[in-house]
Protein backbone atom coordinates (compact mmCIF):
# COMPACT_ATOMS: atom_id res chain seq x y z
CA MET A 1 -25.93 -52.50 -18.24
CA PHE A 2 -26.63 -51.22 -14.76
CA PRO A 3 -30.25 -52.32 -13.24
CA MET A 4 -32.61 -49.54 -13.15
CA LYS A 5 -33.02 -49.43 -9.40
CA ALA A 6 -28.98 -49.04 -8.92
CA ILE A 7 -29.36 -46.09 -11.39
CA SER A 8 -31.99 -44.24 -9.68
CA ILE A 9 -30.21 -44.53 -6.53
CA LEU A 10 -26.89 -43.30 -8.06
CA ALA A 11 -29.29 -40.30 -9.69
CA VAL A 12 -30.51 -39.43 -6.18
CA LEU A 13 -27.04 -39.49 -4.46
CA ILE A 14 -25.76 -37.10 -7.21
CA PHE A 15 -28.95 -34.85 -6.86
CA SER A 16 -28.25 -35.05 -2.92
CA SER A 17 -24.51 -34.24 -3.43
CA CYS A 18 -25.38 -31.12 -5.52
CA VAL A 19 -28.24 -29.69 -3.57
CA GLY A 20 -25.37 -30.20 -0.45
CA LEU A 21 -22.74 -28.25 -2.51
CA SER A 22 -25.10 -25.46 -3.46
CA ILE A 23 -26.52 -25.04 -0.10
CA ARG A 24 -22.99 -24.91 1.79
CA ALA A 25 -22.06 -22.50 -1.05
CA LYS A 26 -24.92 -20.46 -0.54
CA ALA A 27 -24.29 -20.31 3.15
CA GLN A 28 -20.61 -19.68 2.60
CA GLU A 29 -21.79 -16.28 0.47
CA VAL A 30 -24.13 -15.20 2.91
CA ALA A 31 -21.78 -15.68 5.68
CA LYS A 32 -19.12 -13.47 3.58
CA ASN A 33 -21.56 -10.58 3.91
CA LEU A 34 -22.20 -10.45 7.46
CA ASP A 35 -20.58 -9.23 10.25
CA TYR A 36 -19.08 -11.73 12.95
CA VAL A 37 -17.28 -11.81 16.23
CA VAL A 38 -15.21 -14.71 17.65
CA LEU A 39 -15.65 -15.08 21.25
CA MET A 40 -12.93 -15.61 23.92
CA ASN A 41 -13.71 -19.57 23.81
CA ALA A 42 -13.41 -19.39 20.05
CA ASP A 43 -17.04 -19.66 18.91
CA THR A 44 -17.99 -17.45 16.06
CA LEU A 45 -21.54 -15.83 15.75
CA TYR A 46 -22.71 -14.13 12.54
CA GLY A 47 -25.00 -11.33 12.32
CA LYS A 48 -24.84 -7.82 12.30
CA ILE A 49 -22.89 -5.05 14.41
CA SER A 50 -24.83 -2.10 15.01
CA SER A 51 -22.23 -0.18 17.21
CA ILE A 52 -18.94 -0.51 19.02
CA LYS A 53 -18.25 1.69 21.82
CA ASP A 54 -15.27 1.64 24.49
CA ARG A 55 -16.94 -0.78 26.46
CA LYS A 56 -19.85 -2.21 24.64
CA LEU A 57 -20.65 -3.92 21.13
CA LYS A 58 -24.22 -4.43 19.84
CA PHE A 59 -24.66 -7.29 17.84
CA GLU A 60 -27.82 -8.93 16.29
CA ASN A 61 -27.47 -12.78 15.51
CA GLN A 62 -29.10 -14.60 12.68
CA GLN A 63 -31.98 -15.46 14.68
CA LYS A 64 -32.51 -11.90 15.09
CA GLU A 65 -31.66 -11.86 18.96
CA LYS A 66 -29.95 -8.68 20.32
CA VAL A 67 -26.82 -9.29 22.31
CA ILE A 68 -24.49 -7.08 23.82
CA PHE A 69 -21.16 -7.91 24.31
CA GLU A 70 -18.12 -6.47 26.59
CA PRO A 71 -14.49 -6.38 25.86
CA GLY A 72 -13.64 -9.46 27.84
CA ASP A 73 -16.29 -11.43 25.82
CA VAL A 74 -14.87 -10.89 22.40
CA TYR A 75 -11.63 -11.72 20.69
CA ARG A 76 -12.09 -10.36 17.44
CA ALA A 77 -15.25 -8.30 15.93
CA TYR A 78 -15.21 -8.11 12.33
CA TRP A 79 -17.68 -5.05 11.04
CA GLN A 80 -17.64 -6.37 7.65
CA SER A 81 -19.93 -3.28 6.27
CA LYS A 82 -17.39 -0.83 7.52
CA LYS A 83 -14.26 -3.03 6.66
CA LYS A 84 -12.91 -2.44 10.34
CA VAL A 85 -11.66 -4.88 12.84
CA TYR A 86 -11.75 -4.58 16.60
CA ALA A 87 -10.25 -6.07 19.16
CA PRO A 88 -10.36 -5.94 23.39
CA SER A 89 -7.11 -4.40 24.58
CA TYR A 90 -5.68 -2.24 27.26
CA VAL A 91 -3.62 0.36 25.42
CA GLU A 92 -6.23 2.80 25.75
CA ASP A 93 -6.25 3.24 29.65
CA GLY A 94 -3.47 0.89 30.62
CA LEU A 95 -0.12 1.78 29.38
CA GLU A 96 2.94 3.10 31.59
CA VAL A 97 6.30 4.27 30.29
CA VAL A 98 9.02 2.00 30.71
CA PRO A 99 11.78 3.93 32.63
CA GLY A 100 14.84 5.00 31.07
CA THR A 101 13.65 4.55 27.56
CA SER A 102 14.39 7.54 25.52
CA PRO A 103 12.68 8.09 23.01
CA LYS A 104 9.70 6.59 25.10
CA MET A 105 8.39 3.38 25.04
CA TYR A 106 5.21 1.80 26.77
CA ARG A 107 4.15 -1.60 28.22
CA ILE A 108 1.09 -2.68 29.70
CA GLN A 109 1.03 -1.61 33.53
CA LYS A 110 1.59 -4.74 35.75
CA GLY A 111 -0.95 -5.90 38.19
CA LEU A 112 -3.54 -3.74 35.81
CA SER A 113 -6.81 -3.66 37.73
CA GLN A 114 -8.63 -2.00 34.89
CA GLU A 115 -11.20 -3.52 32.00
CA PRO A 116 -10.08 -3.72 28.66
CA THR A 117 -11.68 -1.39 26.03
CA PHE A 118 -12.41 -1.90 22.44
CA ALA A 119 -9.96 -0.86 20.06
CA GLU A 120 -10.05 -0.55 16.24
CA VAL A 121 -7.01 -3.20 14.69
CA LEU A 122 -4.94 -1.58 11.87
CA ALA A 123 -2.63 -4.54 11.36
CA ASP A 124 -2.46 -7.96 13.31
CA GLY A 125 -0.38 -10.37 13.99
CA GLU A 126 2.83 -10.48 16.11
CA ILE A 127 3.01 -6.73 15.98
CA ILE A 128 -0.67 -5.48 16.57
CA ALA A 129 -1.49 -1.83 15.71
CA TYR A 130 -4.35 -0.30 17.40
CA TYR A 131 -6.22 2.70 16.76
CA VAL A 132 -7.97 4.16 20.17
CA SER A 133 -9.27 7.39 21.19
CA GLU A 134 -8.64 9.47 24.05
CA THR A 135 -10.66 12.15 25.76
CA LYS A 136 -8.92 14.97 27.62
CA VAL A 137 -11.06 17.20 29.99
CA SER A 138 -9.47 20.54 30.87
CA GLY A 139 -10.64 23.85 32.61
CA GLY A 140 -10.89 26.92 30.44
CA ALA A 141 -10.78 30.69 30.88
CA GLY A 142 -13.64 32.10 33.21
CA MET A 143 -16.52 33.70 31.83
CA ALA A 144 -17.92 37.28 33.67
CA ILE A 145 -21.64 36.52 34.48
CA GLY A 146 -24.20 38.82 36.33
CA GLY A 147 -22.60 42.14 34.95
CA GLY A 148 -19.07 41.04 35.99
CA ALA A 149 -20.13 40.13 39.60
CA GLY A 150 -18.60 36.82 39.08
CA THR A 151 -16.93 34.27 36.72
CA MET A 152 -17.82 30.84 35.50
CA GLY A 153 -15.09 28.42 34.65
CA SER A 154 -15.36 26.93 31.51
CA ILE A 155 -14.70 22.84 30.49
CA MET A 156 -13.33 22.04 27.19
CA VAL A 157 -13.27 18.27 26.18
CA ASN A 158 -10.84 17.19 23.47
CA LYS A 159 -11.03 13.77 21.68
CA TYR A 160 -7.45 12.79 20.71
CA LYS A 161 -6.71 9.84 18.17
CA HIS A 162 -3.89 7.87 18.58
CA ALA A 163 -2.32 4.47 16.88
CA TYR A 164 0.18 2.23 18.95
CA ALA A 165 2.03 -0.81 17.93
CA LEU A 166 2.15 -3.52 20.33
CA LYS A 167 4.76 -6.77 20.14
CA LYS A 168 3.59 -9.59 21.94
CA THR A 169 6.83 -11.65 22.69
CA THR A 170 8.37 -8.47 24.40
CA GLY A 171 5.21 -6.48 25.81
CA GLU A 172 6.72 -3.16 24.02
CA VAL A 173 4.34 -0.71 23.06
CA ILE A 174 5.06 2.42 20.79
CA GLU A 175 2.96 5.30 19.37
CA ILE A 176 2.98 5.43 15.61
CA ASN A 177 0.70 8.16 15.04
CA SER A 178 -1.79 10.95 16.80
CA ASN A 179 -3.52 13.84 15.86
CA HIS A 180 -2.36 16.30 18.36
CA ASN A 181 1.27 16.53 17.98
CA GLY A 182 2.96 18.91 15.99
CA LEU A 183 4.10 18.18 12.62
CA PHE A 184 8.03 18.71 13.39
CA SER A 185 7.63 17.76 17.07
CA GLY A 186 10.83 16.06 18.64
CA VAL A 187 8.47 12.99 18.89
CA LYS A 188 7.38 12.57 15.15
CA LYS A 189 11.44 12.81 14.56
CA LYS A 190 12.06 10.00 17.06
CA ARG A 191 9.67 7.72 16.17
CA PRO A 192 11.25 6.05 13.41
CA ILE A 193 13.85 4.93 15.95
CA THR A 194 11.39 3.72 18.20
CA PHE A 195 9.80 1.79 15.84
CA GLY A 196 12.88 0.18 14.53
CA LYS A 197 13.35 -1.54 17.95
CA LEU A 198 10.25 -3.32 17.19
CA ILE A 199 11.24 -4.92 13.99
CA ASN A 200 15.31 -5.56 14.17
CA ASP A 201 14.96 -8.75 14.66
CA GLU A 202 14.53 -9.15 10.84
CA PRO A 203 17.87 -7.86 9.80
CA GLU A 204 16.83 -7.50 6.16
CA LEU A 205 13.58 -5.80 6.74
CA PHE A 206 15.16 -3.48 9.39
CA ALA A 207 17.81 -2.62 6.96
CA GLU A 208 15.34 -1.64 4.35
CA PHE A 209 13.41 0.35 6.91
CA GLU A 210 16.62 2.42 7.85
CA ASN A 211 16.98 3.23 4.07
CA GLU A 212 13.53 5.05 3.43
CA LYS A 213 13.80 8.58 2.79
CA LYS A 214 10.32 9.76 4.59
CA TYR A 215 8.66 8.24 7.44
CA ASP A 216 5.02 8.26 8.33
CA TYR A 217 2.12 6.53 9.65
CA ASP A 218 1.29 4.43 6.32
CA LEU A 219 4.93 3.53 6.06
CA PHE A 220 4.83 2.24 9.67
CA ILE A 221 1.79 0.19 8.97
CA LYS A 222 3.29 -1.43 5.68
CA TYR A 223 6.40 -2.71 7.63
CA ILE A 224 4.51 -3.95 10.48
CA MET A 225 2.13 -6.01 7.93
CA ARG A 226 5.45 -7.42 6.27
CA TYR A 227 6.91 -8.14 9.63
CA ASN A 228 3.88 -10.00 10.39
CA GLU A 229 3.91 -11.94 7.26
CA LEU A 230 7.44 -12.95 7.94
CA GLN A 231 6.67 -13.96 11.48
CA LYS A 232 3.84 -16.38 10.27
CA ALA A 233 5.73 -17.99 7.70
CA LYS A 234 8.12 -19.30 10.68
CA SER A 235 5.22 -20.61 12.86
CA ALA A 236 4.44 -24.16 12.23
CA PRO A 237 1.25 -24.75 10.28
CA GLU A 238 -0.66 -26.48 13.00
CA SER A 239 0.22 -24.18 15.68
CA LYS A 240 -2.96 -21.99 16.77
CA GLU A 241 -2.39 -18.84 18.69
CA ARG A 242 -3.81 -18.69 22.00
CA LEU A 243 -6.64 -16.13 22.48
CA PHE A 244 -5.59 -13.52 24.83
CA ILE A 245 -6.48 -9.90 25.18
CA TYR A 246 -3.15 -7.51 25.13
């Protein structure tokens, strides 16, 4: 028989272990429902994201302290309540056309002095798909004022949405969707050709892509995700991705 003292100590240890497991489980459950940001130094902060603009992320941590992050501070922002992920990127302001490419391919400008902006991440991995907005300001037709004595030019502000895919190892960037190209424009017809260049180092996946009957934005995202899974499976389990802004 065990001495009563030993039984008491064992009971206390079991109880403490159960309490510890319960606390950890509860903490994990709470964290799962919180927004969180991964900083460029790999620290993770949990709390609540209140807004994300091009160059500003407003965040409240678990101690109720309000913090503002700039794109260069953050590697990834997980806005759980909206089911969206954001990352800093140069794709909104820093793209240039690669000379001699047809259909057009892009790259991040060399010697770029511009700061990154926050972009929504649609797919993450070896190929990152971003969703960004672009504001275009243009002059419109003049309006008569003062009984026709003069005219005042009007300013038109249009906001376009673009989805881009960036391949990390090559730096190649292509546009996979936008809301201002005509449905049957030449740009849309050429996108499958351009997109194929991003995934043709996976022959079986590329062959399957070429046999598709209809190409659209959703299909591109599907193939990016599949390509990323193939690359992930090839990487060493212990390898860690360097936190980098693309």
